[in-house]
Amino acid sequence: MKAAIVILNWNGKHLMEEFLPKVIAHAEGLATIYVADNASTDDSVAYVEQHFPEVRLVLNKQNYGYAGGYNQALREIDADLYILMNSDIETTPGWLLPILSRFEQHKKTAIIQPKILDYKKRDSFEYAGAAGGFIDRLGYPYCRGRIFNALEKDLGQYDDEREIFWASGACLCIRSEVFWKLKGFDEDFFAHQEEIDLCWRAQKFGYQVEYVGTSAVFHVGGATLNNMNPTKTFLNFRNTLFTLTKNAPKRYLPWLVIARLVLDGVAGIKFLLEGKAIHTWAIVRAHGSYYRKAYKMFKKRSDTPTLKKYYAIQSVVWNHFVLQKKIFGEL
């Protein structure tokens, strides 16, 4: 199986300096490494050319974001397996072998995520993916090891292999034929939540999304947009509505969207009371953007029937904030 590790970069020279050497060392003989540059304005490209001649460069003409950046770059890469990795990922010795083995042995497995731990707090799971993602009935994402901002310590409780609903875009491994069958990431998302949309669409075609807990990486998180950036708030709120509109069962869609709009309003009020008006405004802008593109998203719906039951629980919001359930095992 011909594997390609593809790191999307935008002005990340400092991240290349810190993380690329280990990526190269841990992938030797197993995968070809590419840096897909999203029109950086720093000297990342020159740095990679000078210090890592074994790494192949794909140069995008502009910053297409996560979704468009990968779509553009992957057209230039010949591989059976794409391993899409953020530039702030620290790999570990042997991390690739369990993933490659799983793909070899299970042909219906289309997407795999490793265990994602916190680079700064190394005994804990990291926000973006943890031990595999799920969504509730209203489309709120959560993970084994991470419910909203409650992060679990890694005690070996998720050292397993199992099917999940979505894999983190921070480190997402996908068969190239499946990626292109799905027409890649939806570029209208720009960044954030596009991996949930991709995984949902893959499952509609009968493919499986899996987590392999015997493979582990560390993620810094927030290297491009941290959690308190209003742009991230805008993208997350808008793109969740995009995902539901494209993928949720049609008979439930109107009330799902209405429910999310109302709950988003509650979140906006909460931000306002906390003195974070800029995030309230980000939600207002997210809704405006959604209204303008809702029909376009609806037209993208696949004719393939949706999953009979796409959610694991009715409401993660109720379970976490009202019933005070902090860990995945309590849900």
C-alpha atoms as a PDB file:
ATOM      1  CA  MET A   1       0.000   0.000   0.000  1.00  0.00           C
ATOM      2  CA  LYS A   2       1.475   3.311  -1.145  1.00  0.00           C
ATOM      3  CA  ALA A   3       1.044   5.861   1.669  1.00  0.00           C
ATOM      4  CA  ALA A   4       1.589   9.615   1.636  1.00  0.00           C
ATOM      5  CA  ILE A   5       1.790  11.806   4.729  1.00  0.00           C
ATOM      6  CA  VAL A   6       0.542  15.241   3.685  1.00  0.00           C
ATOM      7  CA  ILE A   7       1.113  18.180   6.031  1.00  0.00           C
ATOM      8  CA  LEU A   8      -0.843  21.322   5.214  1.00  0.00           C
ATOM      9  CA  ASN A   9       1.234  24.392   6.027  1.00  0.00           C
ATOM     10  CA  TRP A  10       0.518  28.092   6.248  1.00  0.00           C
ATOM     11  CA  ASN A  11       3.235  30.297   7.758  1.00  0.00           C
ATOM     12  CA  GLY A  12       4.374  27.431   9.955  1.00  0.00           C
ATOM     13  CA  LYS A  13       8.150  27.517   9.725  1.00  0.00           C
ATOM     14  CA  HIS A  14       8.470  27.229  13.520  1.00  0.00           C
ATOM     15  CA  LEU A  15       6.244  24.137  13.438  1.00  0.00           C
ATOM     16  CA  MET A  16       8.296  22.597  10.621  1.00  0.00           C
ATOM     17  CA  GLU A  17      11.423  23.133  12.708  1.00  0.00           C
ATOM     18  CA  GLU A  18       9.929  21.443  15.739  1.00  0.00           C
ATOM     19  CA  PHE A  19       7.849  18.587  14.362  1.00  0.00           C
ATOM     20  CA  LEU A  20       9.004  17.616  10.878  1.00  0.00           C
ATOM     21  CA  PRO A  21      12.181  15.760  11.978  1.00  0.00           C
ATOM     22  CA  LYS A  22      10.166  13.245  14.020  1.00  0.00           C
ATOM     23  CA  VAL A  23       7.561  12.829  11.290  1.00  0.00           C
ATOM     24  CA  ILE A  24      10.373  11.924   8.888  1.00  0.00           C
ATOM     25  CA  ALA A  25      12.097   9.574  11.324  1.00  0.00           C
ATOM     26  CA  HIS A  26       8.915   7.715  12.266  1.00  0.00           C
ATOM     27  CA  ALA A  27       7.725   7.313   8.660  1.00  0.00           C
ATOM     28  CA  GLU A  28      10.948   5.947   7.183  1.00  0.00           C
ATOM     29  CA  GLY A  29      10.204   3.147   4.722  1.00  0.00           C
ATOM     30  CA  LEU A  30       6.454   3.422   5.329  1.00  0.00           C
ATOM     31  CA  ALA A  31       5.276   6.641   3.685  1.00  0.00           C
ATOM     32  CA  THR A  32       6.384   9.484   1.430  1.00  0.00           C
ATOM     33  CA  ILE A  33       6.160  12.867   3.130  1.00  0.00           C
ATOM     34  CA  TYR A  34       4.699  15.947   1.472  1.00  0.00           C
ATOM     35  CA  VAL A  35       4.287  19.502   2.693  1.00  0.00           C
ATOM     36  CA  ALA A  36       1.342  21.181   0.978  1.00  0.00           C
ATOM     37  CA  ASP A  37       1.904  24.894   1.333  1.00  0.00           C
ATOM     38  CA  ASN A  38      -1.117  27.205   1.331  1.00  0.00           C
ATOM     39  CA  ALA A  39       0.704  30.248  -0.107  1.00  0.00           C
ATOM     40  CA  SER A  40       2.712  31.022   3.031  1.00  0.00           C
ATOM     41  CA  THR A  41       4.201  34.487   3.372  1.00  0.00           C
ATOM     42  CA  ASP A  42       6.993  33.406   5.724  1.00  0.00           C
ATOM     43  CA  ASP A  43      10.011  31.392   4.556  1.00  0.00           C
ATOM     44  CA  SER A  44       8.576  27.943   5.401  1.00  0.00           C
ATOM     45  CA  VAL A  45       9.001  26.646   1.850  1.00  0.00           C
ATOM     46  CA  ALA A  46      12.643  27.752   1.599  1.00  0.00           C
ATOM     47  CA  TYR A  47      13.303  26.237   5.024  1.00  0.00           C
ATOM     48  CA  VAL A  48      11.860  22.843   4.057  1.00  0.00           C
ATOM     49  CA  GLU A  49      13.749  22.872   0.745  1.00  0.00           C
ATOM     50  CA  GLN A  50      17.023  23.637   2.490  1.00  0.00           C
ATOM     51  CA  HIS A  51      16.777  21.369   5.532  1.00  0.00           C
ATOM     52  CA  PHE A  52      14.555  18.485   4.425  1.00  0.00           C
ATOM     53  CA  PRO A  53      15.309  17.653   0.772  1.00  0.00           C
ATOM     54  CA  GLU A  54      13.594  14.264   1.172  1.00  0.00           C
ATOM     55  CA  VAL A  55      10.256  16.018   1.735  1.00  0.00           C
ATOM     56  CA  ARG A  56       8.246  16.769  -1.393  1.00  0.00           C
ATOM     57  CA  LEU A  57       6.575  20.150  -1.763  1.00  0.00           C
ATOM     58  CA  VAL A  58       3.189  20.942  -3.296  1.00  0.00           C
ATOM     59  CA  LEU A  59       2.641  24.685  -3.682  1.00  0.00           C
ATOM     60  CA  ASN A  60      -0.906  26.020  -3.688  1.00  0.00           C
ATOM     61  CA  LYS A  61      -1.416  29.351  -5.446  1.00  0.00           C
ATOM     62  CA  GLN A  62      -3.363  30.875  -2.557  1.00  0.00           C
ATOM     63  CA  ASN A  63      -4.586  30.080   0.956  1.00  0.00           C
ATOM     64  CA  TYR A  64      -7.536  27.809   0.270  1.00  0.00           C
ATOM     65  CA  GLY A  65      -8.064  26.936   3.944  1.00  0.00           C
ATOM     66  CA  TYR A  66      -8.029  23.381   5.241  1.00  0.00           C
ATOM     67  CA  ALA A  67     -10.674  21.971   2.898  1.00  0.00           C
ATOM     68  CA  GLY A  68      -9.589  23.638  -0.327  1.00  0.00           C
ATOM     69  CA  GLY A  69      -5.914  23.411   0.527  1.00  0.00           C
ATOM     70  CA  TYR A  70      -6.039  19.647   0.793  1.00  0.00           C
ATOM     71  CA  ASN A  71      -8.290  19.257  -2.244  1.00  0.00           C
ATOM     72  CA  GLN A  72      -5.840  21.255  -4.360  1.00  0.00           C
ATOM     73  CA  ALA A  73      -2.711  19.512  -3.071  1.00  0.00           C
ATOM     74  CA  LEU A  74      -3.978  15.929  -3.139  1.00  0.00           C
ATOM     75  CA  ARG A  75      -4.677  16.182  -6.868  1.00  0.00           C
ATOM     76  CA  GLU A  76      -0.899  16.291  -7.278  1.00  0.00           C
ATOM     77  CA  ILE A  77      -0.150  13.269  -5.076  1.00  0.00           C
ATOM     78  CA  ASP A  78      -0.214   9.650  -6.234  1.00  0.00           C
ATOM     79  CA  ALA A  79      -0.902   7.338  -3.289  1.00  0.00           C
ATOM     80  CA  ASP A  80      -3.321   4.637  -2.148  1.00  0.00           C
ATOM     81  CA  LEU A  81      -3.574   6.176   1.285  1.00  0.00           C
ATOM     82  CA  TYR A  82      -3.569   9.829   2.301  1.00  0.00           C
ATOM     83  CA  ILE A  83      -2.446  10.596   5.850  1.00  0.00           C
ATOM     84  CA  LEU A  84      -3.571  14.170   6.438  1.00  0.00           C
ATOM     85  CA  MET A  85      -1.686  15.712   9.322  1.00  0.00           C
ATOM     86  CA  ASN A  86      -1.646  19.142  10.949  1.00  0.00           C
ATOM     87  CA  SER A  87       1.732  20.808  11.107  1.00  0.00           C
ATOM     88  CA  ASP A  88       1.581  20.813  14.934  1.00  0.00           C
ATOM     89  CA  ILE A  89       1.455  17.021  15.322  1.00  0.00           C
ATOM     90  CA  GLU A  90       4.267  15.140  17.082  1.00  0.00           C
ATOM     91  CA  THR A  91       4.381  11.539  15.930  1.00  0.00           C
ATOM     92  CA  THR A  92       5.632   8.614  18.035  1.00  0.00           C
ATOM     93  CA  PRO A  93       7.771   5.593  17.135  1.00  0.00           C
ATOM     94  CA  GLY A  94       5.725   2.895  15.407  1.00  0.00           C
ATOM     95  CA  TRP A  95       2.553   4.954  15.179  1.00  0.00           C
ATOM     96  CA  LEU A  96       1.966   4.194  11.493  1.00  0.00           C
ATOM     97  CA  LEU A  97       2.188   0.404  11.605  1.00  0.00           C
ATOM     98  CA  PRO A  98      -1.148  -0.334  13.377  1.00  0.00           C
ATOM     99  CA  ILE A  99      -2.969   2.018  10.991  1.00  0.00           C
ATOM    100  CA  LEU A 100      -1.458   0.519   7.849  1.00  0.00           C
ATOM    101  CA  SER A 101      -2.191  -2.970   9.158  1.00  0.00           C
ATOM    102  CA  ARG A 102      -5.830  -2.079   9.835  1.00  0.00           C
ATOM    103  CA  PHE A 103      -6.283  -0.761   6.310  1.00  0.00           C
ATOM    104  CA  GLU A 104      -4.699  -3.899   4.850  1.00  0.00           C
ATOM    105  CA  GLN A 105      -6.893  -6.272   6.832  1.00  0.00           C
ATOM    106  CA  HIS A 106     -10.247  -4.431   6.683  1.00  0.00           C
ATOM    107  CA  LYS A 107     -11.194  -3.372   3.173  1.00  0.00           C
ATOM    108  CA  LYS A 108     -14.404  -1.606   4.251  1.00  0.00           C
ATOM    109  CA  THR A 109     -12.435   0.653   6.574  1.00  0.00           C
ATOM    110  CA  ALA A 110     -12.076   3.931   4.682  1.00  0.00           C
ATOM    111  CA  ILE A 111     -10.971   6.394   7.372  1.00  0.00           C
ATOM    112  CA  ILE A 112      -8.860   5.928  10.507  1.00  0.00           C
ATOM    113  CA  GLN A 113      -7.857   8.222  13.359  1.00  0.00           C
ATOM    114  CA  PRO A 114      -5.105   7.451  15.905  1.00  0.00           C
ATOM    115  CA  LYS A 115      -5.240   8.348  19.577  1.00  0.00           C
ATOM    116  CA  ILE A 116      -4.648  12.102  19.863  1.00  0.00           C
ATOM    117  CA  LEU A 117      -2.989  13.267  23.088  1.00  0.00           C
ATOM    118  CA  ASP A 118      -2.199  16.758  24.340  1.00  0.00           C
ATOM    119  CA  TYR A 119       1.320  17.885  23.476  1.00  0.00           C
ATOM    120  CA  LYS A 120       1.386  20.288  26.435  1.00  0.00           C
ATOM    121  CA  LYS A 121      -0.249  17.938  28.959  1.00  0.00           C
ATOM    122  CA  ARG A 122       0.967  14.600  27.740  1.00  0.00           C
ATOM    123  CA  ASP A 123      -1.057  12.342  30.014  1.00  0.00           C
ATOM    124  CA  SER A 124      -4.349  13.801  28.739  1.00  0.00           C
ATOM    125  CA  PHE A 125      -6.398  13.585  25.571  1.00  0.00           C
ATOM    126  CA  GLU A 126      -6.383  16.549  23.216  1.00  0.00           C
ATOM    127  CA  TYR A 127      -9.485  18.512  22.302  1.00  0.00           C
ATOM    128  CA  ALA A 128      -9.377  17.915  18.537  1.00  0.00           C
ATOM    129  CA  GLY A 129     -10.329  14.271  18.232  1.00  0.00           C
ATOM    130  CA  ALA A 130      -9.150  12.607  21.462  1.00  0.00           C
ATOM    131  CA  ALA A 131     -10.118   8.917  21.084  1.00  0.00           C
ATOM    132  CA  GLY A 132     -12.581   9.262  18.226  1.00  0.00           C
ATOM    133  CA  GLY A 133     -15.581  11.442  17.502  1.00  0.00           C
ATOM    134  CA  PHE A 134     -19.365  11.139  17.728  1.00  0.00           C
ATOM    135  CA  ILE A 135     -22.307  13.535  17.410  1.00  0.00           C
ATOM    136  CA  ASP A 136     -25.605  13.764  19.245  1.00  0.00           C
ATOM    137  CA  ARG A 137     -29.004  14.090  17.610  1.00  0.00           C
ATOM    138  CA  LEU A 138     -28.658  17.866  17.253  1.00  0.00           C
ATOM    139  CA  GLY A 139     -25.239  17.587  15.621  1.00  0.00           C
ATOM    140  CA  TYR A 140     -23.087  18.584  18.613  1.00  0.00           C
ATOM    141  CA  PRO A 141     -19.712  16.829  18.286  1.00  0.00           C
ATOM    142  CA  TYR A 142     -17.954  15.157  21.201  1.00  0.00           C
ATOM    143  CA  CYS A 143     -15.280  12.513  21.629  1.00  0.00           C
ATOM    144  CA  ARG A 144     -14.264   9.588  23.712  1.00  0.00           C
ATOM    145  CA  GLY A 145     -11.906  11.370  26.064  1.00  0.00           C
ATOM    146  CA  ARG A 146     -13.358  14.860  25.466  1.00  0.00           C
ATOM    147  CA  ILE A 147     -16.834  16.246  26.077  1.00  0.00           C
ATOM    148  CA  PHE A 148     -16.943  19.969  25.323  1.00  0.00           C
ATOM    149  CA  ASN A 149     -13.977  21.302  27.356  1.00  0.00           C
ATOM    150  CA  ALA A 150     -13.804  18.379  29.802  1.00  0.00           C
ATOM    151  CA  LEU A 151     -10.714  16.341  28.912  1.00  0.00           C
ATOM    152  CA  GLU A 152      -9.929  12.905  30.341  1.00  0.00           C
ATOM    153  CA  LYS A 153      -6.521  11.592  31.286  1.00  0.00           C
ATOM    154  CA  ASP A 154      -5.189   8.730  29.200  1.00  0.00           C
ATOM    155  CA  LEU A 155      -5.280   5.712  31.502  1.00  0.00           C
ATOM    156  CA  GLY A 156      -5.358   3.161  28.698  1.00  0.00           C
ATOM    157  CA  GLN A 157      -9.158   3.138  28.730  1.00  0.00           C
ATOM    158  CA  TYR A 158      -9.306   3.731  24.989  1.00  0.00           C
ATOM    159  CA  ASP A 159      -6.426   1.523  23.810  1.00  0.00           C
ATOM    160  CA  ASP A 160      -8.784  -0.330  21.504  1.00  0.00           C
ATOM    161  CA  GLU A 161      -9.886  -0.464  17.887  1.00  0.00           C
ATOM    162  CA  ARG A 162     -13.490   0.452  17.186  1.00  0.00           C
ATOM    163  CA  GLU A 163     -15.857   2.127  14.809  1.00  0.00           C
ATOM    164  CA  ILE A 164     -16.486   5.831  15.428  1.00  0.00           C
ATOM    165  CA  PHE A 165     -18.626   8.462  13.706  1.00  0.00           C
ATOM    166  CA  TRP A 166     -15.970  11.006  12.764  1.00  0.00           C
ATOM    167  CA  ALA A 167     -12.197  11.171  12.693  1.00  0.00           C
ATOM    168  CA  SER A 168     -10.272  14.310  13.556  1.00  0.00           C
ATOM    169  CA  GLY A 169      -8.875  16.412  10.736  1.00  0.00           C
ATOM    170  CA  ALA A 170      -5.781  16.938  12.884  1.00  0.00           C
ATOM    171  CA  CYS A 171      -4.643  13.450  11.865  1.00  0.00           C
ATOM    172  CA  LEU A 172      -6.962  11.741   9.414  1.00  0.00           C
ATOM    173  CA  CYS A 173      -5.995   8.727   7.308  1.00  0.00           C
ATOM    174  CA  ILE A 174      -8.197   7.964   4.285  1.00  0.00           C
ATOM    175  CA  ARG A 175      -8.087   5.747   1.224  1.00  0.00           C
ATOM    176  CA  SER A 176      -7.491   7.969  -1.793  1.00  0.00           C
ATOM    177  CA  GLU A 177     -10.152   6.236  -3.896  1.00  0.00           C
ATOM    178  CA  VAL A 178     -12.750   6.981  -1.213  1.00  0.00           C
ATOM    179  CA  PHE A 179     -11.598  10.586  -0.856  1.00  0.00           C
ATOM    180  CA  TRP A 180     -12.146  11.231  -4.545  1.00  0.00           C
ATOM    181  CA  LYS A 181     -15.342   9.205  -4.727  1.00  0.00           C
ATOM    182  CA  LEU A 182     -16.674  11.666  -2.134  1.00  0.00           C
ATOM    183  CA  LYS A 183     -15.217  14.570  -4.193  1.00  0.00           C
ATOM    184  CA  GLY A 184     -12.939  15.495  -1.321  1.00  0.00           C
ATOM    185  CA  PHE A 185     -13.666  18.035   1.374  1.00  0.00           C
ATOM    186  CA  ASP A 186     -16.453  20.554   0.891  1.00  0.00           C
ATOM    187  CA  GLU A 187     -14.584  23.783   0.159  1.00  0.00           C
ATOM    188  CA  ASP A 188     -17.517  25.943   1.285  1.00  0.00           C
ATOM    189  CA  PHE A 189     -16.532  24.988   4.846  1.00  0.00           C
ATOM    190  CA  PHE A 190     -13.060  26.562   4.444  1.00  0.00           C
ATOM    191  CA  ALA A 191     -11.965  25.113   7.798  1.00  0.00           C
ATOM    192  CA  HIS A 192     -13.503  23.314  10.802  1.00  0.00           C
ATOM    193  CA  GLN A 193     -16.152  20.571  10.773  1.00  0.00           C
ATOM    194  CA  GLU A 194     -15.341  19.527   7.199  1.00  0.00           C
ATOM    195  CA  GLU A 195     -14.003  16.212   8.495  1.00  0.00           C
ATOM    196  CA  ILE A 196     -17.349  15.450  10.163  1.00  0.00           C
ATOM    197  CA  ASP A 197     -19.122  16.137   6.876  1.00  0.00           C
ATOM    198  CA  LEU A 198     -16.632  13.919   5.007  1.00  0.00           C
ATOM    199  CA  CYS A 199     -16.983  11.040   7.483  1.00  0.00           C
ATOM    200  CA  TRP A 200     -20.775  11.272   7.441  1.00  0.00           C
ATOM    201  CA  ARG A 201     -20.815  11.128   3.649  1.00  0.00           C
ATOM    202  CA  ALA A 202     -18.401   8.167   3.648  1.00  0.00           C
ATOM    203  CA  GLN A 203     -20.713   6.196   5.913  1.00  0.00           C
ATOM    204  CA  LYS A 204     -23.653   6.874   3.610  1.00  0.00           C
ATOM    205  CA  PHE A 205     -21.724   4.924   0.974  1.00  0.00           C
ATOM    206  CA  GLY A 206     -21.239   2.014   3.356  1.00  0.00           C
ATOM    207  CA  TYR A 207     -17.674   2.742   4.408  1.00  0.00           C
ATOM    208  CA  GLN A 208     -16.458   2.542   8.000  1.00  0.00           C
ATOM    209  CA  VAL A 209     -14.690   5.195  10.063  1.00  0.00           C
ATOM    210  CA  GLU A 210     -12.471   3.735  12.772  1.00  0.00           C
ATOM    211  CA  TYR A 211     -10.222   4.600  15.677  1.00  0.00           C
ATOM    212  CA  VAL A 212      -6.976   2.726  16.330  1.00  0.00           C
ATOM    213  CA  GLY A 213      -5.883   3.294  19.920  1.00  0.00           C
ATOM    214  CA  THR A 214      -2.614   1.396  19.577  1.00  0.00           C
ATOM    215  CA  SER A 215      -1.384   4.301  17.465  1.00  0.00           C
ATOM    216  CA  ALA A 216      -0.750   7.610  19.231  1.00  0.00           C
ATOM    217  CA  VAL A 217       0.273  11.147  18.302  1.00  0.00           C
ATOM    218  CA  PHE A 218       0.524  14.398  20.258  1.00  0.00           C
ATOM    219  CA  HIS A 219      -1.228  17.569  19.091  1.00  0.00           C
ATOM    220  CA  VAL A 220      -0.481  21.136  20.128  1.00  0.00           C
ATOM    221  CA  GLY A 221      -3.901  22.437  19.046  1.00  0.00           C
ATOM    222  CA  GLY A 222      -4.879  26.001  18.214  1.00  0.00           C
ATOM    223  CA  ALA A 223      -1.709  26.631  16.206  1.00  0.00           C
ATOM    224  CA  THR A 224      -3.737  28.277  13.435  1.00  0.00           C
ATOM    225  CA  LEU A 225      -6.886  29.398  15.275  1.00  0.00           C
ATOM    226  CA  ASN A 226      -7.230  28.982  19.033  1.00  0.00           C
ATOM    227  CA  ASN A 227     -10.528  28.344  20.782  1.00  0.00           C
ATOM    228  CA  MET A 228     -10.989  32.005  21.726  1.00  0.00           C
ATOM    229  CA  ASN A 229     -10.625  33.279  18.179  1.00  0.00           C
ATOM    230  CA  PRO A 230     -13.974  34.660  16.920  1.00  0.00           C
ATOM    231  CA  THR A 231     -13.198  33.351  13.425  1.00  0.00           C
ATOM    232  CA  LYS A 232     -13.158  29.846  14.860  1.00  0.00           C
ATOM    233  CA  THR A 233     -16.479  30.537  16.616  1.00  0.00           C
ATOM    234  CA  PHE A 234     -17.942  31.728  13.307  1.00  0.00           C
ATOM    235  CA  LEU A 235     -16.720  28.679  11.379  1.00  0.00           C
ATOM    236  CA  ASN A 236     -17.803  26.142  13.980  1.00  0.00           C
ATOM    237  CA  PHE A 237     -21.345  27.475  14.350  1.00  0.00           C
ATOM    238  CA  ARG A 238     -21.893  27.979  10.628  1.00  0.00           C
ATOM    239  CA  ASN A 239     -20.313  24.720   9.521  1.00  0.00           C
ATOM    240  CA  THR A 240     -22.318  22.624  11.960  1.00  0.00           C
ATOM    241  CA  LEU A 241     -25.459  23.962  10.287  1.00  0.00           C
ATOM    242  CA  PHE A 242     -23.924  23.170   6.884  1.00  0.00           C
ATOM    243  CA  THR A 243     -23.223  19.589   7.989  1.00  0.00           C
ATOM    244  CA  LEU A 244     -26.752  18.995   9.256  1.00  0.00           C
ATOM    245  CA  THR A 245     -28.318  20.509   6.147  1.00  0.00           C
ATOM    246  CA  LYS A 246     -26.240  18.275   3.891  1.00  0.00           C
ATOM    247  CA  ASN A 247     -26.496  15.023   5.822  1.00  0.00           C
ATOM    248  CA  ALA A 248     -29.267  14.775   8.434  1.00  0.00           C
ATOM    249  CA  PRO A 249     -32.380  12.738   7.542  1.00  0.00           C
ATOM    250  CA  LYS A 250     -34.645  14.951   5.448  1.00  0.00           C
ATOM    251  CA  ARG A 251     -37.742  14.313   7.567  1.00  0.00           C
ATOM    252  CA  TYR A 252     -35.960  15.618  10.680  1.00  0.00           C
ATOM    253  CA  LEU A 253     -34.062  18.450   9.041  1.00  0.00           C
ATOM    254  CA  PRO A 254     -36.439  21.427   9.626  1.00  0.00           C
ATOM    255  CA  TRP A 255     -36.771  20.920  13.361  1.00  0.00           C
ATOM    256  CA  LEU A 256     -33.067  20.057  13.723  1.00  0.00           C
ATOM    257  CA  VAL A 257     -32.046  23.343  12.116  1.00  0.00           C
ATOM    258  CA  ILE A 258     -34.592  25.351  14.120  1.00  0.00           C
ATOM    259  CA  ALA A 259     -33.437  23.707  17.360  1.00  0.00           C
ATOM    260  CA  ARG A 260     -29.806  24.477  16.577  1.00  0.00           C
ATOM    261  CA  LEU A 261     -30.568  28.098  15.691  1.00  0.00           C
ATOM    262  CA  VAL A 262     -32.349  28.543  19.031  1.00  0.00           C
ATOM    263  CA  LEU A 263     -29.550  26.878  21.003  1.00  0.00           C
ATOM    264  CA  ASP A 264     -26.975  28.944  19.132  1.00  0.00           C
ATOM    265  CA  GLY A 265     -28.913  32.002  20.297  1.00  0.00           C
ATOM    266  CA  VAL A 266     -28.630  30.765  23.885  1.00  0.00           C
ATOM    267  CA  ALA A 267     -24.876  30.336  23.393  1.00  0.00           C
ATOM    268  CA  GLY A 268     -24.721  33.900  22.024  1.00  0.00           C
ATOM    269  CA  ILE A 269     -26.477  35.260  25.115  1.00  0.00           C
ATOM    270  CA  LYS A 270     -24.078  33.308  27.322  1.00  0.00           C
ATOM    271  CA  PHE A 271     -21.096  34.845  25.522  1.00  0.00           C
ATOM    272  CA  LEU A 272     -22.640  38.286  25.938  1.00  0.00           C
ATOM    273  CA  LEU A 273     -23.121  37.811  29.699  1.00  0.00           C
ATOM    274  CA  GLU A 274     -19.507  36.664  29.956  1.00  0.00           C
ATOM    275  CA  GLY A 275     -18.321  39.877  28.297  1.00  0.00           C
ATOM    276  CA  LYS A 276     -17.434  38.118  25.023  1.00  0.00           C
ATOM    277  CA  ALA A 277     -19.614  40.142  22.680  1.00  0.00           C
ATOM    278  CA  ILE A 278     -17.234  39.518  19.798  1.00  0.00           C
ATOM    279  CA  HIS A 279     -18.201  35.832  19.918  1.00  0.00           C
ATOM    280  CA  THR A 280     -21.894  36.702  20.048  1.00  0.00           C
ATOM    281  CA  TRP A 281     -21.387  38.730  16.891  1.00  0.00           C
ATOM    282  CA  ALA A 282     -19.510  35.773  15.343  1.00  0.00           C
ATOM    283  CA  ILE A 283     -22.615  33.613  15.888  1.00  0.00           C
ATOM    284  CA  VAL A 284     -24.831  36.274  14.304  1.00  0.00           C
ATOM    285  CA  ARG A 285     -22.495  36.377  11.298  1.00  0.00           C
ATOM    286  CA  ALA A 286     -22.451  32.562  11.164  1.00  0.00           C
ATOM    287  CA  HIS A 287     -26.245  32.482  10.930  1.00  0.00           C
ATOM    288  CA  GLY A 288     -26.233  35.143   8.227  1.00  0.00           C
ATOM    289  CA  SER A 289     -23.714  33.160   6.197  1.00  0.00           C
ATOM    290  CA  TYR A 290     -25.766  29.999   6.678  1.00  0.00           C
ATOM    291  CA  TYR A 291     -28.973  31.665   5.467  1.00  0.00           C
ATOM    292  CA  ARG A 292     -27.195  32.811   2.322  1.00  0.00           C
ATOM    293  CA  LYS A 293     -25.873  29.340   1.561  1.00  0.00           C
ATOM    294  CA  ALA A 294     -28.571  27.064   3.035  1.00  0.00           C
ATOM    295  CA  TYR A 295     -30.160  26.279  -0.324  1.00  0.00           C
ATOM    296  CA  LYS A 296     -26.748  25.543  -1.848  1.00  0.00           C
ATOM    297  CA  MET A 297     -25.987  23.124   1.013  1.00  0.00           C
ATOM    298  CA  PHE A 298     -29.390  21.476   0.628  1.00  0.00           C
ATOM    299  CA  LYS A 299     -28.722  20.913  -3.086  1.00  0.00           C
ATOM    300  CA  LYS A 300     -25.515  19.067  -2.164  1.00  0.00           C
ATOM    301  CA  ARG A 301     -27.425  16.354  -0.330  1.00  0.00           C
ATOM    302  CA  SER A 302     -26.607  12.887  -1.600  1.00  0.00           C
ATOM    303  CA  ASP A 303     -29.326  10.600  -2.959  1.00  0.00           C
ATOM    304  CA  THR A 304     -27.740   7.843  -0.900  1.00  0.00           C
ATOM    305  CA  PRO A 305     -29.972   7.136   2.140  1.00  0.00           C
ATOM    306  CA  THR A 306     -28.631   8.537   5.390  1.00  0.00           C
ATOM    307  CA  LEU A 307     -27.717   6.304   8.297  1.00  0.00           C
ATOM    308  CA  LYS A 308     -30.716   4.919  10.157  1.00  0.00           C
ATOM    309  CA  LYS A 309     -29.301   6.352  13.355  1.00  0.00           C
ATOM    310  CA  TYR A 310     -26.393   8.741  13.053  1.00  0.00           C
ATOM    311  CA  TYR A 311     -26.214   9.777  16.713  1.00  0.00           C
ATOM    312  CA  ALA A 312     -25.095   7.877  19.799  1.00  0.00           C
ATOM    313  CA  ILE A 313     -27.147   9.886  22.350  1.00  0.00           C
ATOM    314  CA  GLN A 314     -30.042  12.336  22.161  1.00  0.00           C
ATOM    315  CA  SER A 315     -28.322  15.335  23.723  1.00  0.00           C
ATOM    316  CA  VAL A 316     -24.731  15.704  24.872  1.00  0.00           C
ATOM    317  CA  VAL A 317     -25.600  19.249  26.036  1.00  0.00           C
ATOM    318  CA  TRP A 318     -28.240  17.916  28.468  1.00  0.00           C
ATOM    319  CA  ASN A 319     -26.009  15.081  29.669  1.00  0.00           C
ATOM    320  CA  HIS A 320     -22.978  17.276  30.233  1.00  0.00           C
ATOM    321  CA  PHE A 321     -24.333  20.614  31.460  1.00  0.00           C
ATOM    322  CA  VAL A 322     -27.488  19.498  33.272  1.00  0.00           C
ATOM    323  CA  LEU A 323     -26.710  15.929  34.391  1.00  0.00           C
ATOM    324  CA  GLN A 324     -23.039  16.851  34.926  1.00  0.00           C
ATOM    325  CA  LYS A 325     -21.619  13.857  33.079  1.00  0.00           C
ATOM    326  CA  LYS A 326     -17.976  14.655  32.432  1.00  0.00           C
ATOM    327  CA  ILE A 327     -16.562  11.524  30.787  1.00  0.00           C
ATOM    328  CA  PHE A 328     -17.593   9.434  27.792  1.00  0.00           C
ATOM    329  CA  GLY A 329     -18.244   6.320  29.873  1.00  0.00           C
ATOM    330  CA  GLU A 330     -20.981   8.110  31.830  1.00  0.00           C
ATOM    331  CA  LEU A 331     -23.063   9.033  28.763  1.00  0.00           C
END
